């Protein structure tokens, strides 16, 4: 259900996963929430503030009790530890162009549209693609530490939660929290930083039962991994930038490798939330990691949101509707 008001819009999303009570429960000592039966229901509420396609637009998250939470810090990483199911926060629906992201430097980390040089960012359409070619988002409670050199790439992290490319058949919505199966991972090197890209599929996708590892993507979705590699290689070229580079010569690593990367980034996140490492401008305000020095009360979280001002100006959708053909 979505209620539309001039500056505040809300929506409710129901997802299979851990029990709702567990989703809202406090996390002990910075750890992620424990497993729960997949048949149980958990849901999160999203609340829009400001106008879409404007610098002031924000999408906030609430838990089952209706309290504001951080999608970065308060949504558990794992949906089911025994089956290696993970929560994914959807930032960008497939086939859209607006570069939406979790605002890591803002209180409660709402989703916002990225801005560069005073302009809202949109990805270009590079033939034969339209916008993002997957549902794109991030795993909560992960962090790619910019001060920690990755042993496999010899580069430090990019200071963000780990990115996810969800390859299922459904177009998801911004702010959805879905359970995904991890299939593999790609190591993008962006301006000397490691920017991992997980390949995953929504566990509720009609074809999810066929996918268990990266080889299944090659088998059942031929050409998708090649398209993914080329998308990340070329997507900045229309901005006048060079091709992106990759570790491992652009090879997609398998599920086992990907799970180790997730484990490492989760440990980095726990160190961040416990103030055991330098987080720089990252905002660690949370309402459910009770042992964190950045923990705040439900009332404080609500006051944070209500203290923010949002522009009444209508947004301007400046998506690039042309195809870019990259010739040699």
Protein backbone atom coordinates (compact mmCIF):
# COMPACT_ATOMS: atom_id res chain seq x y z
CA UNK A 1 0.00 0.00 0.00
CA UNK A 2 1.33 3.44 -0.89
CA UNK A 3 -0.03 6.66 0.54
CA UNK A 4 0.93 9.78 -1.42
CA UNK A 5 1.28 13.15 0.27
CA UNK A 6 2.98 16.29 -1.09
CA UNK A 7 6.31 15.59 0.57
CA UNK A 8 5.89 12.27 2.32
CA UNK A 9 5.03 9.00 0.61
CA UNK A 10 5.01 5.61 2.28
CA UNK A 11 4.97 2.04 1.05
CA UNK A 12 4.94 -1.34 2.72
CA UNK A 13 6.87 -4.34 1.43
CA UNK A 14 6.30 -7.90 2.60
CA UNK A 15 9.10 -10.41 2.08
CA UNK A 16 9.63 -14.02 3.06
CA UNK A 17 12.32 -14.42 5.67
CA UNK A 18 13.10 -14.17 9.36
CA UNK A 19 10.18 -13.55 11.70
CA UNK A 20 9.03 -9.97 11.91
CA UNK A 21 9.86 -9.88 15.57
CA UNK A 22 13.42 -10.95 14.83
CA UNK A 23 13.73 -8.31 12.14
CA UNK A 24 12.85 -5.65 14.67
CA UNK A 25 14.81 -7.16 17.53
CA UNK A 26 17.96 -5.65 18.88
CA UNK A 27 21.18 -7.19 17.62
CA UNK A 28 23.54 -8.53 20.31
CA UNK A 29 27.05 -7.17 20.37
CA UNK A 30 27.03 -5.93 16.77
CA UNK A 31 26.27 -9.29 15.19
CA UNK A 32 23.67 -9.84 12.50
CA UNK A 33 20.30 -11.26 13.40
CA UNK A 34 20.01 -15.01 13.63
CA UNK A 35 18.20 -17.39 11.28
CA UNK A 36 14.47 -17.91 11.13
CA UNK A 37 12.02 -20.00 9.13
CA UNK A 38 11.57 -18.76 5.57
CA UNK A 39 7.81 -19.29 5.77
CA UNK A 40 7.56 -16.52 8.38
CA UNK A 41 6.87 -12.95 7.29
CA UNK A 42 9.01 -9.88 7.77
CA UNK A 43 8.29 -6.51 6.29
CA UNK A 44 9.87 -3.11 6.05
CA UNK A 45 8.24 0.19 5.32
CA UNK A 46 9.76 2.85 3.09
CA UNK A 47 8.93 6.53 3.35
CA UNK A 48 9.72 9.06 0.63
CA UNK A 49 10.67 12.62 1.54
CA UNK A 50 11.18 15.33 -1.04
CA UNK A 51 10.55 15.06 -4.77
CA UNK A 52 11.93 12.22 -6.93
CA UNK A 53 14.60 13.31 -9.40
CA UNK A 54 15.68 16.15 -7.12
CA UNK A 55 18.80 16.57 -4.95
CA UNK A 56 16.64 16.62 -1.82
CA UNK A 57 14.85 13.32 -2.43
CA UNK A 58 15.31 10.70 0.31
CA UNK A 59 13.83 7.24 0.86
CA UNK A 60 13.82 6.31 4.55
CA UNK A 61 13.25 2.85 6.02
CA UNK A 62 11.10 1.71 8.94
CA UNK A 63 10.92 -1.65 10.68
CA UNK A 64 7.90 -3.80 11.42
CA UNK A 65 7.03 -1.63 14.43
CA UNK A 66 7.04 1.52 12.30
CA UNK A 67 10.28 2.90 13.74
CA UNK A 68 12.91 4.53 11.56
CA UNK A 69 15.96 2.36 10.91
CA UNK A 70 19.13 2.46 8.84
CA UNK A 71 19.13 0.12 5.82
CA UNK A 72 22.93 0.12 6.06
CA UNK A 73 23.23 -0.85 9.72
CA UNK A 74 19.90 -2.17 11.05
CA UNK A 75 18.71 -4.65 8.43
CA UNK A 76 20.40 -8.01 9.14
CA UNK A 77 22.97 -9.24 6.64
CA UNK A 78 21.68 -12.80 6.65
CA UNK A 79 18.13 -13.95 6.14
CA UNK A 80 18.93 -17.61 6.78
CA UNK A 81 22.41 -18.60 7.95
CA UNK A 82 21.95 -22.31 7.23
CA UNK A 83 21.03 -21.76 3.59
CA UNK A 84 23.32 -18.77 3.01
CA UNK A 85 20.44 -16.46 2.14
CA UNK A 86 21.16 -12.75 2.39
CA UNK A 87 19.08 -9.60 2.59
CA UNK A 88 19.53 -7.27 -0.38
CA UNK A 89 18.44 -3.63 -0.31
CA UNK A 90 17.32 -2.64 -3.81
CA UNK A 91 18.59 0.80 -4.79
CA UNK A 92 18.04 0.76 -8.56
CA UNK A 93 15.33 -1.23 -10.38
CA UNK A 94 16.39 -2.88 -13.64
CA UNK A 95 16.09 -0.75 -16.82
CA UNK A 96 16.14 2.55 -14.92
CA UNK A 97 18.92 5.14 -15.18
CA UNK A 98 18.92 7.23 -12.00
CA UNK A 99 22.02 6.43 -9.94
CA UNK A 100 20.42 5.83 -6.55
CA UNK A 101 22.46 4.77 -3.52
CA UNK A 102 22.41 4.38 0.22
CA UNK A 103 23.54 7.72 1.65
CA UNK A 104 26.38 6.40 3.79
CA UNK A 105 27.32 9.82 5.18
CA UNK A 106 23.82 10.82 6.35
CA UNK A 107 21.96 9.89 9.56
CA UNK A 108 19.97 6.66 9.13
CA UNK A 109 21.39 6.31 5.62
CA UNK A 110 18.31 6.85 3.40
CA UNK A 111 18.49 6.12 -0.32
CA UNK A 112 19.23 9.22 -2.40
CA UNK A 113 20.23 10.06 -5.96
CA UNK A 114 23.94 10.61 -6.42
CA UNK A 115 25.01 14.13 -7.31
CA UNK A 116 28.25 15.14 -9.01
CA UNK A 117 29.32 18.69 -9.86
CA UNK A 118 25.89 19.87 -8.77
CA UNK A 119 24.03 17.61 -11.19
CA UNK A 120 21.97 14.49 -10.54
CA UNK A 121 23.67 11.39 -11.92
CA UNK A 122 22.13 9.03 -14.47
CA UNK A 123 23.86 6.13 -16.17
CA UNK A 124 23.95 6.32 -19.94
CA UNK A 125 22.23 3.86 -22.26
CA UNK A 126 24.99 2.00 -24.05
CA UNK A 127 23.76 -0.08 -26.97
CA UNK A 128 22.06 -2.52 -26.71
CA UNK A 129 21.18 -1.82 -23.06
CA UNK A 130 18.70 0.49 -21.30
CA UNK A 131 19.94 1.72 -17.92
CA UNK A 132 20.97 -0.87 -15.36
CA UNK A 133 20.69 -4.43 -16.69
CA UNK A 134 19.90 -6.01 -13.30
CA UNK A 135 18.17 -4.98 -10.13
CA UNK A 136 21.04 -3.23 -8.39
CA UNK A 137 21.59 -2.71 -4.69
CA UNK A 138 23.69 -3.64 -1.68
CA UNK A 139 24.03 -6.07 1.19
CA UNK A 140 23.37 -4.40 4.56
CA UNK A 141 25.90 -4.70 7.38
CA UNK A 142 28.85 -4.87 4.98
CA UNK A 143 31.55 -2.28 4.35
CA UNK A 144 34.50 -2.18 1.96
CA UNK A 145 37.13 -0.58 4.18
CA UNK A 146 39.11 2.09 2.26
CA UNK A 147 42.05 1.62 4.64
CA UNK A 148 42.27 -2.17 4.30
CA UNK A 149 44.05 -3.66 1.30
CA UNK A 150 42.33 -6.70 -0.15
CA UNK A 151 44.77 -9.61 -0.43
CA UNK A 152 43.29 -10.88 -3.69
CA UNK A 153 43.11 -7.54 -5.54
CA UNK A 154 45.94 -5.63 -3.80
CA UNK A 155 43.62 -2.60 -3.62
CA UNK A 156 41.71 -1.04 -0.74
CA UNK A 157 37.92 -0.95 -0.53
CA UNK A 158 35.66 1.75 -1.98
CA UNK A 159 34.09 2.87 1.35
CA UNK A 160 30.61 1.51 0.54
CA UNK A 161 28.44 -1.52 1.34
CA UNK A 162 29.10 -4.36 -1.07
CA UNK A 163 27.12 -4.07 -4.33
CA UNK A 164 24.71 -6.69 -5.66
CA UNK A 165 23.50 -7.39 -9.20
CA UNK A 166 20.24 -9.36 -8.89
CA UNK A 167 19.66 -11.31 -12.12
CA UNK A 168 16.13 -12.62 -11.58
CA UNK A 169 13.24 -12.25 -14.01
CA UNK A 170 11.26 -9.70 -11.98
CA UNK A 171 11.80 -5.96 -12.01
CA UNK A 172 12.00 -5.01 -8.34
CA UNK A 173 11.22 -1.65 -6.74
CA UNK A 174 13.49 0.88 -5.09
CA UNK A 175 13.56 0.18 -1.37
CA UNK A 176 12.60 -3.49 -1.66
CA UNK A 177 14.37 -5.79 0.78
CA UNK A 178 14.60 -9.22 -0.83
CA UNK A 179 16.29 -12.48 0.07
CA UNK A 180 18.95 -13.52 -2.43
CA UNK A 181 21.11 -16.53 -3.19
CA UNK A 182 24.73 -15.60 -3.84
CA UNK A 183 26.12 -17.10 -7.05
CA UNK A 184 29.46 -15.40 -7.67
CA UNK A 185 31.39 -12.16 -7.71
CA UNK A 186 33.28 -9.77 -9.99
CA UNK A 187 36.15 -7.54 -8.85
CA UNK A 188 35.87 -4.11 -10.46
CA UNK A 189 38.85 -1.81 -9.89
CA UNK A 190 37.51 1.74 -9.85
CA UNK A 191 40.16 4.47 -9.68
CA UNK A 192 42.48 2.14 -7.76
CA UNK A 193 39.79 0.91 -5.32
CA UNK A 194 38.24 -2.54 -5.06
CA UNK A 195 34.52 -2.36 -5.90
CA UNK A 196 33.11 -5.88 -5.57
CA UNK A 197 29.99 -6.77 -7.59
CA UNK A 198 28.07 -9.76 -6.27
CA UNK A 199 25.95 -11.82 -8.67
CA UNK A 200 22.79 -13.05 -6.97
CA UNK A 201 19.21 -14.12 -7.60
CA UNK A 202 16.03 -13.41 -5.67
CA UNK A 203 15.15 -16.61 -3.79
CA UNK A 204 11.50 -16.09 -4.78
CA UNK A 205 12.28 -15.85 -8.49
CA UNK A 206 10.50 -18.57 -10.52
CA UNK A 207 13.85 -19.89 -11.73
CA UNK A 208 15.80 -19.56 -8.49
CA UNK A 209 15.87 -23.31 -7.84
CA UNK A 210 18.07 -23.81 -10.92
CA UNK A 211 20.80 -21.45 -9.71
CA UNK A 212 23.41 -22.53 -7.18
CA UNK A 213 26.75 -21.18 -8.43
CA UNK A 214 28.26 -18.98 -11.12
CA UNK A 215 28.34 -21.82 -13.66
CA UNK A 216 24.55 -21.97 -13.55
CA UNK A 217 24.39 -18.37 -14.74
CA UNK A 218 26.50 -19.32 -17.75
CA UNK A 219 24.25 -22.31 -18.40
CA UNK A 220 20.78 -20.83 -17.94
CA UNK A 221 21.38 -17.18 -18.82
CA UNK A 222 23.98 -17.36 -21.61
CA UNK A 223 25.57 -14.01 -22.38
CA UNK A 224 24.45 -12.33 -19.16
CA UNK A 225 27.86 -12.44 -17.47
CA UNK A 226 29.57 -11.17 -20.62
CA UNK A 227 27.04 -8.35 -20.82
CA UNK A 228 27.64 -7.57 -17.15
CA UNK A 229 31.39 -7.37 -17.66
CA UNK A 230 31.00 -5.07 -20.65
CA UNK A 231 28.43 -2.91 -18.85
CA UNK A 232 30.84 -2.21 -16.01
CA UNK A 233 33.76 -1.83 -18.40
CA UNK A 234 32.11 0.82 -20.56
CA UNK A 235 29.43 2.63 -18.53
CA UNK A 236 31.60 5.66 -17.73
CA UNK A 237 32.84 6.20 -21.28
CA UNK A 238 29.95 8.54 -22.27
CA UNK A 239 31.14 10.78 -19.40
CA UNK A 240 34.55 11.04 -21.06
CA UNK A 241 36.25 8.61 -18.71
CA UNK A 242 38.40 5.61 -19.65
CA UNK A 243 37.31 1.98 -19.49
CA UNK A 244 37.11 0.43 -16.04
CA UNK A 245 39.55 -2.29 -15.10
CA UNK A 246 39.08 -5.60 -13.29
CA UNK A 247 41.06 -7.93 -11.09
CA UNK A 248 41.52 -11.54 -12.25
CA UNK A 249 41.34 -10.36 -15.89
CA UNK A 250 37.60 -9.91 -15.52
CA UNK A 251 36.96 -13.49 -14.38
CA UNK A 252 33.83 -14.07 -12.31
CA UNK A 253 34.70 -15.93 -9.11
CA UNK A 254 32.43 -18.62 -7.74
CA UNK A 255 30.00 -18.71 -4.81
CA UNK A 256 32.57 -19.95 -2.28
CA UNK A 257 34.89 -17.07 -3.12
CA UNK A 258 32.00 -14.60 -2.93
CA UNK A 259 30.93 -15.83 0.51
CA UNK A 260 34.44 -15.23 1.85
CA UNK A 261 34.36 -11.67 0.51
CA UNK A 262 30.98 -11.10 2.18
CA UNK A 263 32.33 -12.48 5.45
CA UNK A 264 35.31 -10.15 5.30
CA UNK A 265 33.20 -7.06 4.54
CA UNK A 266 30.82 -7.95 7.36
CA UNK A 267 33.75 -8.10 9.79
CA UNK A 268 34.85 -4.68 8.55
CA UNK A 269 31.35 -3.35 9.16
CA UNK A 270 31.32 -4.70 12.71
CA UNK A 271 34.64 -2.99 13.41
CA UNK A 272 33.17 0.23 11.96
CA UNK A 273 30.05 0.06 14.17
CA UNK A 274 32.10 -0.69 17.27
CA UNK A 275 34.46 2.22 16.50
CA UNK A 276 37.44 -0.10 16.19
CA UNK A 277 38.57 1.49 12.94
CA UNK A 278 38.46 4.90 11.29
CA UNK A 279 35.17 5.40 9.51
CA UNK A 280 35.83 8.91 8.25
CA UNK A 281 32.61 10.57 7.07
CA UNK A 282 30.54 7.36 7.30
CA UNK A 283 27.48 7.91 9.48
CA UNK A 284 27.00 4.95 11.80
CA UNK A 285 23.80 6.07 13.56
CA UNK A 286 21.65 2.99 14.20
CA UNK A 287 18.72 1.92 16.36
CA UNK A 288 19.25 -1.83 16.71
CA UNK A 289 22.97 -2.52 17.25
CA UNK A 290 22.68 -1.78 20.94
CA UNK A 291 26.33 -2.22 21.92
CA UNK A 292 27.46 0.22 19.24
CA UNK A 293 28.57 3.65 20.50
CA UNK A 294 26.53 5.08 17.61
CA UNK A 295 23.26 3.55 18.82
CA UNK A 296 20.33 5.94 19.21
CA UNK A 297 16.81 5.57 20.57
CA UNK A 298 13.68 5.30 18.45
CA UNK A 299 12.72 8.80 19.56
CA UNK A 300 16.11 10.20 18.58
CA UNK A 301 15.85 8.54 15.17
CA UNK A 302 12.43 10.06 14.57
CA UNK A 303 13.70 13.48 15.62
CA UNK A 304 16.61 13.17 13.19
CA UNK A 305 14.26 12.60 10.27
CA UNK A 306 11.74 15.23 11.33
CA UNK A 307 14.48 17.84 11.72
CA UNK A 308 15.46 17.55 8.07
CA UNK A 309 14.08 20.02 5.56
CA UNK A 310 13.00 18.95 2.09
CA UNK A 311 12.54 21.10 -0.98
CA UNK A 312 9.09 21.71 -2.43
CA UNK A 313 10.62 22.15 -5.87
CA UNK A 314 9.54 19.54 -8.38
CA UNK A 315 12.22 17.21 -9.64
CA UNK A 316 13.42 17.10 -13.21
CA UNK A 317 13.93 13.74 -14.86
CA UNK A 318 16.93 14.20 -17.11
CA UNK A 319 17.46 10.57 -18.03
CA UNK A 320 19.42 10.10 -21.21
CA UNK A 321 16.96 8.60 -23.70
CA UNK A 322 19.51 8.07 -26.46
CA UNK A 323 21.66 5.06 -27.17
CA UNK A 324 25.42 5.46 -27.12
CA UNK A 325 27.27 3.39 -29.69
CA UNK A 326 30.86 2.73 -28.72
CA UNK A 327 32.87 2.19 -31.87
CA UNK A 328 36.55 1.55 -32.14
